[in-house]
PDB file of N, CA and C in Angstrom:
ATOM      1  N   MET A   1     -18.819 -16.216  27.410  1.00  0.00           N
ATOM      2  CA  MET A   1     -19.607 -17.433  27.350  1.00  0.00           C
ATOM      3  C   MET A   1     -19.440 -18.193  28.673  1.00  0.00           C
ATOM      4  N   ASP A   2     -20.547 -18.478  29.320  1.00  0.00           N
ATOM      5  CA  ASP A   2     -20.455 -19.177  30.598  1.00  0.00           C
ATOM      6  C   ASP A   2     -20.380 -20.690  30.377  1.00  0.00           C
ATOM      7  N   ILE A   3     -20.213 -21.397  31.463  1.00  0.00           N
ATOM      8  CA  ILE A   3     -19.991 -22.840  31.401  1.00  0.00           C
ATOM      9  C   ILE A   3     -21.192 -23.577  30.822  1.00  0.00           C
ATOM     10  N   LYS A   4     -22.394 -23.175  31.183  1.00  0.00           N
ATOM     11  CA  LYS A   4     -23.590 -23.863  30.678  1.00  0.00           C
ATOM     12  C   LYS A   4     -23.695 -23.749  29.165  1.00  0.00           C
ATOM     13  N   GLU A   5     -23.406 -22.584  28.621  1.00  0.00           N
ATOM     14  CA  GLU A   5     -23.443 -22.406  27.166  1.00  0.00           C
ATOM     15  C   GLU A   5     -22.364 -23.235  26.494  1.00  0.00           C
ATOM     16  N   ARG A   6     -21.195 -23.293  27.107  1.00  0.00           N
ATOM     17  CA  ARG A   6     -20.093 -24.062  26.544  1.00  0.00           C
ATOM     18  C   ARG A   6     -20.425 -25.557  26.545  1.00  0.00           C
ATOM     19  N   LYS A   7     -21.048 -26.049  27.618  1.00  0.00           N
ATOM     20  CA  LYS A   7     -21.416 -27.460  27.693  1.00  0.00           C
ATOM     21  C   LYS A   7     -22.455 -27.807  26.638  1.00  0.00           C
ATOM     22  N   LYS A   8     -23.364 -26.891  26.352  1.00  0.00           N
ATOM     23  CA  LYS A   8     -24.374 -27.146  25.330  1.00  0.00           C
ATOM     24  C   LYS A   8     -23.749 -27.292  23.954  1.00  0.00           C
ATOM     25  N   MET A   9     -22.627 -26.600  23.736  1.00  0.00           N
ATOM     26  CA  MET A   9     -21.975 -26.614  22.428  1.00  0.00           C
ATOM     27  C   MET A   9     -21.322 -27.956  22.111  1.00  0.00           C
ATOM     28  N   TYR A  10     -20.955 -28.705  23.126  1.00  0.00           N
ATOM     29  CA  TYR A  10     -20.165 -29.908  22.908  1.00  0.00           C
ATOM     30  C   TYR A  10     -20.925 -31.177  23.276  1.00  0.00           C
ATOM     31  N   LEU A  11     -20.634 -32.215  22.522  1.00  0.00           N
ATOM     32  CA  LEU A  11     -21.157 -33.533  22.837  1.00  0.00           C
ATOM     33  C   LEU A  11     -20.361 -34.124  23.992  1.00  0.00           C
ATOM     34  N   LYS A  12     -20.739 -35.303  24.431  1.00  0.00           N
ATOM     35  CA  LYS A  12     -20.033 -35.949  25.534  1.00  0.00           C
ATOM     36  C   LYS A  12     -18.573 -36.234  25.170  1.00  0.00           C
ATOM     37  N   ARG A  13     -18.310 -36.530  23.884  1.00  0.00           N
ATOM     38  CA  ARG A  13     -16.947 -36.872  23.498  1.00  0.00           C
ATOM     39  C   ARG A  13     -16.112 -35.648  23.171  1.00  0.00           C
ATOM     40  N   GLY A  14     -16.666 -34.447  23.320  1.00  0.00           N
ATOM     41  CA  GLY A  14     -15.859 -33.263  23.162  1.00  0.00           C
ATOM     42  C   GLY A  14     -15.882 -32.636  21.782  1.00  0.00           C
ATOM     43  N   ARG A  15     -16.676 -33.155  20.860  1.00  0.00           N
ATOM     44  CA  ARG A  15     -16.745 -32.540  19.534  1.00  0.00           C
ATOM     45  C   ARG A  15     -17.874 -31.523  19.494  1.00  0.00           C
ATOM     46  N   PRO A  16     -17.726 -30.467  18.715  1.00  0.00           N
ATOM     47  CA  PRO A  16     -18.821 -29.515  18.571  1.00  0.00           C
ATOM     48  C   PRO A  16     -20.046 -30.178  17.948  1.00  0.00           C
ATOM     49  N   LEU A  17     -21.214 -29.748  18.340  1.00  0.00           N
ATOM     50  CA  LEU A  17     -22.445 -30.295  17.784  1.00  0.00           C
ATOM     51  C   LEU A  17     -22.476 -30.111  16.276  1.00  0.00           C
ATOM     52  N   GLY A  18     -22.882 -31.126  15.576  1.00  0.00           N
ATOM     53  CA  GLY A  18     -23.011 -31.046  14.126  1.00  0.00           C
ATOM     54  C   GLY A  18     -21.717 -31.269  13.373  1.00  0.00           C
ATOM     55  N   SER A  19     -20.601 -31.454  14.079  1.00  0.00           N
ATOM     56  CA  SER A  19     -19.340 -31.660  13.368  1.00  0.00           C
ATOM     57  C   SER A  19     -19.240 -33.113  12.915  1.00  0.00           C
ATOM     58  N   ILE A  20     -18.521 -33.318  11.850  1.00  0.00           N
ATOM     59  CA  ILE A  20     -18.301 -34.668  11.334  1.00  0.00           C
ATOM     60  C   ILE A  20     -16.811 -34.867  11.124  1.00  0.00           C
ATOM     61  N   ASN A  21     -16.400 -36.132  11.111  1.00  0.00           N
ATOM     62  CA  ASN A  21     -15.013 -36.435  10.810  1.00  0.00           C
ATOM     63  C   ASN A  21     -14.835 -36.426   9.301  1.00  0.00           C
ATOM     64  N   ILE A  22     -13.840 -35.720   8.853  1.00  0.00           N
ATOM     65  CA  ILE A  22     -13.523 -35.705   7.435  1.00  0.00           C
ATOM     66  C   ILE A  22     -12.178 -36.402   7.285  1.00  0.00           C
ATOM     67  N   TYR A  23     -12.194 -37.553   6.635  1.00  0.00           N
ATOM     68  CA  TYR A  23     -10.979 -38.331   6.471  1.00  0.00           C
ATOM     69  C   TYR A  23     -10.359 -38.054   5.110  1.00  0.00           C
ATOM     70  N   SER A  24      -9.044 -38.017   5.074  1.00  0.00           N
ATOM     71  CA  SER A  24      -8.335 -37.856   3.817  1.00  0.00           C
ATOM     72  C   SER A  24      -8.348 -39.202   3.084  1.00  0.00           C
ATOM     73  N   PRO A  25      -8.070 -39.206   1.791  1.00  0.00           N
ATOM     74  CA  PRO A  25      -8.008 -40.486   1.059  1.00  0.00           C
ATOM     75  C   PRO A  25      -6.985 -41.449   1.647  1.00  0.00           C
ATOM     76  N   GLU A  26      -5.889 -40.910   2.185  1.00  0.00           N
ATOM     77  CA  GLU A  26      -4.877 -41.777   2.804  1.00  0.00           C
ATOM     78  C   GLU A  26      -5.431 -42.436   4.067  1.00  0.00           C
ATOM     79  N   ASP A  27      -6.203 -41.676   4.837  1.00  0.00           N
ATOM     80  CA  ASP A  27      -6.812 -42.236   6.046  1.00  0.00           C
ATOM     81  C   ASP A  27      -7.803 -43.336   5.698  1.00  0.00           C
ATOM     82  N   ILE A  28      -8.600 -43.125   4.674  1.00  0.00           N
ATOM     83  CA  ILE A  28      -9.584 -44.127   4.254  1.00  0.00           C
ATOM     84  C   ILE A  28      -8.880 -45.387   3.786  1.00  0.00           C
ATOM     85  N   ALA A  29      -7.808 -45.220   3.000  1.00  0.00           N
ATOM     86  CA  ALA A  29      -7.042 -46.379   2.529  1.00  0.00           C
ATOM     87  C   ALA A  29      -6.439 -47.139   3.705  1.00  0.00           C
ATOM     88  N   ARG A  30      -5.951 -46.409   4.717  1.00  0.00           N
ATOM     89  CA  ARG A  30      -5.366 -47.042   5.905  1.00  0.00           C
ATOM     90  C   ARG A  30      -6.417 -47.821   6.675  1.00  0.00           C
ATOM     91  N   MET A  31      -7.613 -47.229   6.833  1.00  0.00           N
ATOM     92  CA  MET A  31      -8.673 -47.895   7.588  1.00  0.00           C
ATOM     93  C   MET A  31      -9.120 -49.175   6.868  1.00  0.00           C
ATOM     94  N   LYS A  32      -9.234 -49.118   5.556  1.00  0.00           N
ATOM     95  CA  LYS A  32      -9.647 -50.298   4.794  1.00  0.00           C
ATOM     96  C   LYS A  32      -8.570 -51.382   4.834  1.00  0.00           C
ATOM     97  N   PHE A  33      -7.297 -50.968   4.736  1.00  0.00           N
ATOM     98  CA  PHE A  33      -6.185 -51.912   4.796  1.00  0.00           C
ATOM     99  C   PHE A  33      -6.171 -52.639   6.136  1.00  0.00           C
ATOM    100  N   LEU A  34      -6.264 -51.876   7.212  1.00  0.00           N
ATOM    101  CA  LEU A  34      -6.241 -52.466   8.549  1.00  0.00           C
ATOM    102  C   LEU A  34      -7.460 -53.352   8.773  1.00  0.00           C
ATOM    103  N   GLY A  35      -8.606 -52.935   8.256  1.00  0.00           N
ATOM    104  CA  GLY A  35      -9.826 -53.735   8.373  1.00  0.00           C
ATOM    105  C   GLY A  35      -9.700 -55.089   7.688  1.00  0.00           C
ATOM    106  N   ARG A  36      -9.100 -55.087   6.485  1.00  0.00           N
ATOM    107  CA  ARG A  36      -8.890 -56.357   5.766  1.00  0.00           C
ATOM    108  C   ARG A  36      -7.980 -57.283   6.561  1.00  0.00           C
ATOM    109  N   LYS A  37      -6.920 -56.707   7.136  1.00  0.00           N
ATOM    110  CA  LYS A  37      -5.993 -57.508   7.947  1.00  0.00           C
ATOM    111  C   LYS A  37      -6.694 -58.102   9.173  1.00  0.00           C
ATOM    112  N   LEU A  38      -7.505 -57.288   9.831  1.00  0.00           N
ATOM    113  CA  LEU A  38      -8.198 -57.767  11.027  1.00  0.00           C
ATOM    114  C   LEU A  38      -9.198 -58.860  10.693  1.00  0.00           C
ATOM    115  N   ARG A  39      -9.946 -58.670   9.613  1.00  0.00           N
ATOM    116  CA  ARG A  39     -10.924 -59.683   9.214  1.00  0.00           C
ATOM    117  C   ARG A  39     -10.234 -61.012   8.859  1.00  0.00           C
ATOM    118  N   ARG A  40      -9.136 -60.930   8.121  1.00  0.00           N
ATOM    119  CA  ARG A  40      -8.396 -62.146   7.744  1.00  0.00           C
ATOM    120  C   ARG A  40      -7.903 -62.872   8.984  1.00  0.00           C
ATOM    121  N   ARG A  41      -7.362 -62.119   9.937  1.00  0.00           N
ATOM    122  CA  ARG A  41      -6.850 -62.740  11.161  1.00  0.00           C
ATOM    123  C   ARG A  41      -7.980 -63.332  11.999  1.00  0.00           C
ATOM    124  N   ARG A  42      -9.101 -62.629  12.066  1.00  0.00           N
ATOM    125  CA  ARG A  42     -10.245 -63.136  12.844  1.00  0.00           C
ATOM    126  C   ARG A  42     -10.708 -64.470  12.281  1.00  0.00           C
ATOM    127  N   LYS A  43     -10.729 -64.583  10.970  1.00  0.00           N
ATOM    128  CA  LYS A  43     -11.146 -65.847  10.359  1.00  0.00           C
ATOM    129  C   LYS A  43     -10.101 -66.938  10.560  1.00  0.00           C
ATOM    130  N   GLN A  44      -8.818 -66.563  10.602  1.00  0.00           N
ATOM    131  CA  GLN A  44      -7.764 -67.538  10.845  1.00  0.00           C
ATOM    132  C   GLN A  44      -7.894 -68.175  12.215  1.00  0.00           C
ATOM    133  N   VAL A  45      -8.212 -67.350  13.217  1.00  0.00           N
ATOM    134  CA  VAL A  45      -8.334 -67.880  14.581  1.00  0.00           C
ATOM    135  C   VAL A  45      -9.744 -68.398  14.862  1.00  0.00           C
ATOM    136  N   LYS A  46     -10.607 -68.366  13.847  1.00  0.00           N
ATOM    137  CA  LYS A  46     -11.957 -68.926  13.902  1.00  0.00           C
ATOM    138  C   LYS A  46     -12.775 -68.330  15.053  1.00  0.00           C
ATOM    139  N   LYS A  47     -12.827 -67.007  15.079  1.00  0.00           N
ATOM    140  CA  LYS A  47     -13.643 -66.310  16.065  1.00  0.00           C
ATOM    141  C   LYS A  47     -14.681 -65.473  15.332  1.00  0.00           C
ATOM    142  N   THR A  48     -15.786 -65.228  16.010  1.00  0.00           N
ATOM    143  CA  THR A  48     -16.836 -64.399  15.419  1.00  0.00           C
ATOM    144  C   THR A  48     -16.598 -62.938  15.797  1.00  0.00           C
ATOM    145  N   GLN A  49     -17.326 -62.059  15.117  1.00  0.00           N
ATOM    146  CA  GLN A  49     -17.236 -60.647  15.451  1.00  0.00           C
ATOM    147  C   GLN A  49     -17.726 -60.402  16.880  1.00  0.00           C
ATOM    148  N   THR A  50     -18.690 -61.179  17.308  1.00  0.00           N
ATOM    149  CA  THR A  50     -19.199 -61.051  18.678  1.00  0.00           C
ATOM    150  C   THR A  50     -18.122 -61.431  19.689  1.00  0.00           C
ATOM    151  N   ASP A  51     -17.383 -62.508  19.418  1.00  0.00           N
ATOM    152  CA  ASP A  51     -16.298 -62.920  20.319  1.00  0.00           C
ATOM    153  C   ASP A  51     -15.260 -61.812  20.460  1.00  0.00           C
ATOM    154  N   ILE A  52     -14.862 -61.251  19.339  1.00  0.00           N
ATOM    155  CA  ILE A  52     -13.852 -60.192  19.352  1.00  0.00           C
ATOM    156  C   ILE A  52     -14.401 -58.951  20.044  1.00  0.00           C
ATOM    157  N   GLY A  53     -15.640 -58.604  19.736  1.00  0.00           N
ATOM    158  CA  GLY A  53     -16.260 -57.433  20.355  1.00  0.00           C
ATOM    159  C   GLY A  53     -16.346 -57.560  21.862  1.00  0.00           C
ATOM    160  N   ASP A  54     -16.714 -58.746  22.346  1.00  0.00           N
ATOM    161  CA  ASP A  54     -16.785 -58.971  23.795  1.00  0.00           C
ATOM    162  C   ASP A  54     -15.407 -58.834  24.442  1.00  0.00           C
ATOM    163  N   ALA A  55     -14.385 -59.343  23.761  1.00  0.00           N
ATOM    164  CA  ALA A  55     -13.031 -59.284  24.307  1.00  0.00           C
ATOM    165  C   ALA A  55     -12.500 -57.847  24.340  1.00  0.00           C
ATOM    166  N   VAL A  56     -12.883 -57.064  23.344  1.00  0.00           N
ATOM    167  CA  VAL A  56     -12.379 -55.692  23.241  1.00  0.00           C
ATOM    168  C   VAL A  56     -13.239 -54.717  24.034  1.00  0.00           C
ATOM    169  N   GLY A  57     -14.511 -55.052  24.191  1.00  0.00           N
ATOM    170  CA  GLY A  57     -15.411 -54.169  24.928  1.00  0.00           C
ATOM    171  C   GLY A  57     -16.250 -53.285  24.029  1.00  0.00           C
ATOM    172  N   VAL A  58     -16.502 -53.756  22.808  1.00  0.00           N
ATOM    173  CA  VAL A  58     -17.368 -53.028  21.875  1.00  0.00           C
ATOM    174  C   VAL A  58     -18.389 -54.018  21.311  1.00  0.00           C
ATOM    175  N   THR A  59     -19.353 -53.512  20.567  1.00  0.00           N
ATOM    176  CA  THR A  59     -20.362 -54.378  19.976  1.00  0.00           C
ATOM    177  C   THR A  59     -19.832 -55.020  18.701  1.00  0.00           C
ATOM    178  N   PHE A  60     -20.534 -56.061  18.250  1.00  0.00           N
ATOM    179  CA  PHE A  60     -20.110 -56.700  17.011  1.00  0.00           C
ATOM    180  C   PHE A  60     -20.293 -55.750  15.831  1.00  0.00           C
ATOM    181  N   GLN A  61     -21.246 -54.814  15.952  1.00  0.00           N
ATOM    182  CA  GLN A  61     -21.438 -53.841  14.874  1.00  0.00           C
ATOM    183  C   GLN A  61     -20.206 -52.951  14.730  1.00  0.00           C
ATOM    184  N   GLN A  62     -19.584 -52.620  15.854  1.00  0.00           N
ATOM    185  CA  GLN A  62     -18.386 -51.787  15.791  1.00  0.00           C
ATOM    186  C   GLN A  62     -17.239 -52.553  15.150  1.00  0.00           C
ATOM    187  N   ILE A  63     -17.102 -53.838  15.469  1.00  0.00           N
ATOM    188  CA  ILE A  63     -16.079 -54.666  14.830  1.00  0.00           C
ATOM    189  C   ILE A  63     -16.356 -54.742  13.333  1.00  0.00           C
ATOM    190  N   GLN A  64     -17.618 -54.858  12.972  1.00  0.00           N
ATOM    191  CA  GLN A  64     -18.026 -54.872  11.568  1.00  0.00           C
ATOM    192  C   GLN A  64     -17.573 -53.592  10.864  1.00  0.00           C
ATOM    193  N   LYS A  65     -17.767 -52.460  11.504  1.00  0.00           N
ATOM    194  CA  LYS A  65     -17.369 -51.176  10.924  1.00  0.00           C
ATOM    195  C   LYS A  65     -15.851 -51.071  10.805  1.00  0.00           C
ATOM    196  N   TYR A  66     -15.126 -51.594  11.805  1.00  0.00           N
ATOM    197  CA  TYR A  66     -13.665 -51.602  11.719  1.00  0.00           C
ATOM    198  C   TYR A  66     -13.219 -52.420  10.516  1.00  0.00           C
ATOM    199  N   GLU A  67     -13.817 -53.599  10.338  1.00  0.00           N
ATOM    200  CA  GLU A  67     -13.411 -54.486   9.255  1.00  0.00           C
ATOM    201  C   GLU A  67     -13.755 -53.922   7.880  1.00  0.00           C
ATOM    202  N   LYS A  68     -14.856 -53.204   7.792  1.00  0.00           N
ATOM    203  CA  LYS A  68     -15.233 -52.594   6.515  1.00  0.00           C
ATOM    204  C   LYS A  68     -14.429 -51.342   6.223  1.00  0.00           C
ATOM    205  N   GLY A  69     -13.800 -50.782   7.246  1.00  0.00           N
ATOM    206  CA  GLY A  69     -13.045 -49.552   7.070  1.00  0.00           C
ATOM    207  C   GLY A  69     -13.900 -48.317   7.193  1.00  0.00           C
ATOM    208  N   ASP A  70     -15.114 -48.467   7.732  1.00  0.00           N
ATOM    209  CA  ASP A  70     -15.996 -47.310   7.908  1.00  0.00           C
ATOM    210  C   ASP A  70     -15.561 -46.435   9.077  1.00  0.00           C
ATOM    211  N   ASN A  71     -15.079 -47.056  10.136  1.00  0.00           N
ATOM    212  CA  ASN A  71     -14.635 -46.320  11.322  1.00  0.00           C
ATOM    213  C   ASN A  71     -13.144 -46.545  11.531  1.00  0.00           C
ATOM    214  N   ALA A  72     -12.486 -45.519  12.016  1.00  0.00           N
ATOM    215  CA  ALA A  72     -11.065 -45.641  12.337  1.00  0.00           C
ATOM    216  C   ALA A  72     -10.916 -46.353  13.679  1.00  0.00           C
ATOM    217  N   ILE A  73      -9.884 -47.149  13.798  1.00  0.00           N
ATOM    218  CA  ILE A  73      -9.600 -47.841  15.051  1.00  0.00           C
ATOM    219  C   ILE A  73      -8.694 -46.938  15.876  1.00  0.00           C
ATOM    220  N   THR A  74      -9.116 -46.627  17.067  1.00  0.00           N
ATOM    221  CA  THR A  74      -8.303 -45.769  17.917  1.00  0.00           C
ATOM    222  C   THR A  74      -7.133 -46.565  18.481  1.00  0.00           C
ATOM    223  N   THR A  75      -6.086 -45.869  18.863  1.00  0.00           N
ATOM    224  CA  THR A  75      -4.929 -46.541  19.442  1.00  0.00           C
ATOM    225  C   THR A  75      -5.297 -47.205  20.763  1.00  0.00           C
ATOM    226  N   PHE A  76      -6.344 -46.701  21.409  1.00  0.00           N
ATOM    227  CA  PHE A  76      -6.839 -47.280  22.653  1.00  0.00           C
ATOM    228  C   PHE A  76      -7.345 -48.712  22.419  1.00  0.00           C
ATOM    229  N   ARG A  77      -7.858 -49.008  21.234  1.00  0.00           N
ATOM    230  CA  ARG A  77      -8.431 -50.319  20.922  1.00  0.00           C
ATOM    231  C   ARG A  77      -7.438 -51.280  20.270  1.00  0.00           C
ATOM    232  N   LEU A  78      -6.284 -50.801  19.824  1.00  0.00           N
ATOM    233  CA  LEU A  78      -5.355 -51.670  19.100  1.00  0.00           C
ATOM    234  C   LEU A  78      -4.815 -52.811  19.949  1.00  0.00           C
ATOM    235  N   GLU A  79      -4.393 -52.515  21.157  1.00  0.00           N
ATOM    236  CA  GLU A  79      -3.821 -53.558  22.010  1.00  0.00           C
ATOM    237  C   GLU A  79      -4.849 -54.622  22.390  1.00  0.00           C
ATOM    238  N   PRO A  80      -6.076 -54.253  22.826  1.00  0.00           N
ATOM    239  CA  PRO A  80      -7.075 -55.302  23.076  1.00  0.00           C
ATOM    240  C   PRO A  80      -7.406 -56.111  21.821  1.00  0.00           C
ATOM    241  N   LEU A  81      -7.413 -55.470  20.663  1.00  0.00           N
ATOM    242  CA  LEU A  81      -7.653 -56.204  19.416  1.00  0.00           C
ATOM    243  C   LEU A  81      -6.526 -57.191  19.144  1.00  0.00           C
ATOM    244  N   ARG A  82      -5.291 -56.753  19.369  1.00  0.00           N
ATOM    245  CA  ARG A  82      -4.139 -57.633  19.158  1.00  0.00           C
ATOM    246  C   ARG A  82      -4.230 -58.864  20.052  1.00  0.00           C
ATOM    247  N   ILE A  83      -4.613 -58.651  21.300  1.00  0.00           N
ATOM    248  CA  ILE A  83      -4.720 -59.772  22.243  1.00  0.00           C
ATOM    249  C   ILE A  83      -5.883 -60.688  21.860  1.00  0.00           C
ATOM    250  N   ALA A  84      -7.026 -60.098  21.505  1.00  0.00           N
ATOM    251  CA  ALA A  84      -8.206 -60.892  21.147  1.00  0.00           C
ATOM    252  C   ALA A  84      -7.968 -61.717  19.892  1.00  0.00           C
ATOM    253  N   LEU A  85      -7.173 -61.175  18.967  1.00  0.00           N
ATOM    254  CA  LEU A  85      -6.900 -61.883  17.714  1.00  0.00           C
ATOM    255  C   LEU A  85      -5.647 -62.748  17.790  1.00  0.00           C
ATOM    256  N   GLU A  86      -5.055 -62.822  18.986  1.00  0.00           N
ATOM    257  CA  GLU A  86      -3.890 -63.667  19.245  1.00  0.00           C
ATOM    258  C   GLU A  86      -2.729 -63.343  18.302  1.00  0.00           C
ATOM    259  N   ILE A  87      -2.474 -62.057  18.124  1.00  0.00           N
ATOM    260  CA  ILE A  87      -1.364 -61.628  17.275  1.00  0.00           C
ATOM    261  C   ILE A  87      -0.151 -61.408  18.165  1.00  0.00           C
ATOM    262  N   PRO A  88       0.957 -62.110  17.921  1.00  0.00           N
ATOM    263  CA  PRO A  88       2.149 -61.906  18.740  1.00  0.00           C
ATOM    264  C   PRO A  88       2.676 -60.478  18.583  1.00  0.00           C
ATOM    265  N   VAL A  89       3.323 -59.989  19.622  1.00  0.00           N
ATOM    266  CA  VAL A  89       3.823 -58.614  19.606  1.00  0.00           C
ATOM    267  C   VAL A  89       4.797 -58.404  18.458  1.00  0.00           C
ATOM    268  N   HIS A  90       5.659 -59.380  18.193  1.00  0.00           N
ATOM    269  CA  HIS A  90       6.656 -59.201  17.146  1.00  0.00           C
ATOM    270  C   HIS A  90       6.048 -59.232  15.741  1.00  0.00           C
ATOM    271  N   LYS A  91       4.775 -59.566  15.627  1.00  0.00           N
ATOM    272  CA  LYS A  91       4.121 -59.586  14.322  1.00  0.00           C
ATOM    273  C   LYS A  91       3.201 -58.392  14.103  1.00  0.00           C
ATOM    274  N   THR A  92       3.321 -57.377  14.924  1.00  0.00           N
ATOM    275  CA  THR A  92       2.437 -56.221  14.776  1.00  0.00           C
ATOM    276  C   THR A  92       2.962 -55.226  13.757  1.00  0.00           C
ATOM    277  N   ASN A  93       3.913 -55.635  12.941  1.00  0.00           N
ATOM    278  CA  ASN A  93       4.412 -54.720  11.924  1.00  0.00           C
ATOM    279  C   ASN A  93       3.405 -54.512  10.801  1.00  0.00           C
ATOM    280  N   PHE A  94       2.257 -55.205  10.833  1.00  0.00           N
ATOM    281  CA  PHE A  94       1.225 -54.935   9.840  1.00  0.00           C
ATOM    282  C   PHE A  94       0.649 -53.536  10.016  1.00  0.00           C
ATOM    283  N   LEU A  95       0.899 -52.935  11.175  1.00  0.00           N
ATOM    284  CA  LEU A  95       0.444 -51.559  11.394  1.00  0.00           C
ATOM    285  C   LEU A  95       1.311 -50.564  10.632  1.00  0.00           C
ATOM    286  N   ILE A  96       2.534 -50.989  10.305  1.00  0.00           N
ATOM    287  CA  ILE A  96       3.431 -50.120   9.549  1.00  0.00           C
ATOM    288  C   ILE A  96       3.374 -50.574   8.101  1.00  0.00           C
ATOM    289  N   ASN A  97       2.845 -49.740   7.258  1.00  0.00           N
ATOM    290  CA  ASN A  97       2.694 -50.082   5.850  1.00  0.00           C
ATOM    291  C   ASN A  97       2.845 -48.821   5.029  1.00  0.00           C
ATOM    292  N   LYS A  98       2.634 -48.948   3.744  1.00  0.00           N
ATOM    293  CA  LYS A  98       2.834 -47.795   2.882  1.00  0.00           C
ATOM    294  C   LYS A  98       1.818 -46.700   3.153  1.00  0.00           C
ATOM    295  N   TYR A  99       0.671 -47.047   3.758  1.00  0.00           N
ATOM    296  CA  TYR A  99      -0.328 -46.037   4.065  1.00  0.00           C
ATOM    297  C   TYR A  99      -0.085 -45.370   5.404  1.00  0.00           C
ATOM    298  N   ASN A 100       0.644 -46.066   6.272  1.00  0.00           N
ATOM    299  CA  ASN A 100       0.750 -45.593   7.653  1.00  0.00           C
ATOM    300  C   ASN A 100       2.176 -45.776   8.157  1.00  0.00           C
ATOM    301  N   PRO A 101       3.164 -45.094   7.588  1.00  0.00           N
ATOM    302  CA  PRO A 101       4.550 -45.366   7.961  1.00  0.00           C
ATOM    303  C   PRO A 101       4.946 -44.837   9.336  1.00  0.00           C
ATOM    304  N   LYS A 102       4.148 -43.958   9.941  1.00  0.00           N
ATOM    305  CA  LYS A 102       4.559 -43.324  11.186  1.00  0.00           C
ATOM    306  C   LYS A 102       4.087 -44.040  12.433  1.00  0.00           C
ATOM    307  N   VAL A 103       3.120 -44.936  12.332  1.00  0.00           N
ATOM    308  CA  VAL A 103       2.583 -45.635  13.510  1.00  0.00           C
ATOM    309  C   VAL A 103       3.528 -46.744  13.901  1.00  0.00           C
ATOM    310  N   VAL A 104       3.814 -46.839  15.194  1.00  0.00           N
ATOM    311  CA  VAL A 104       4.696 -47.904  15.684  1.00  0.00           C
ATOM    312  C   VAL A 104       3.893 -48.838  16.538  1.00  0.00           C
TER     313      VAL A 104
END
């Protein structure tokens, strides 16, 4: 298989064409848990989804999906989210819970 054929097989993000993410029930529970926490904190600091999205570098629709638990939050986005939501570093233990004991 040459390079051109290989490039056709993959999307820009490196996944094979037509592939989908299949999340386990634990992953879905984790995404929903984290989304609830983020939404609660966003309302506490009285910011809109647009404000948070601009600070993180994503659209408000993506923040909406994070809060609903439809999309997983990548580790790349956690730190900008923490800063945008004004969460102190010592209070980031909400990432460690019964659904996600391995994330630090």
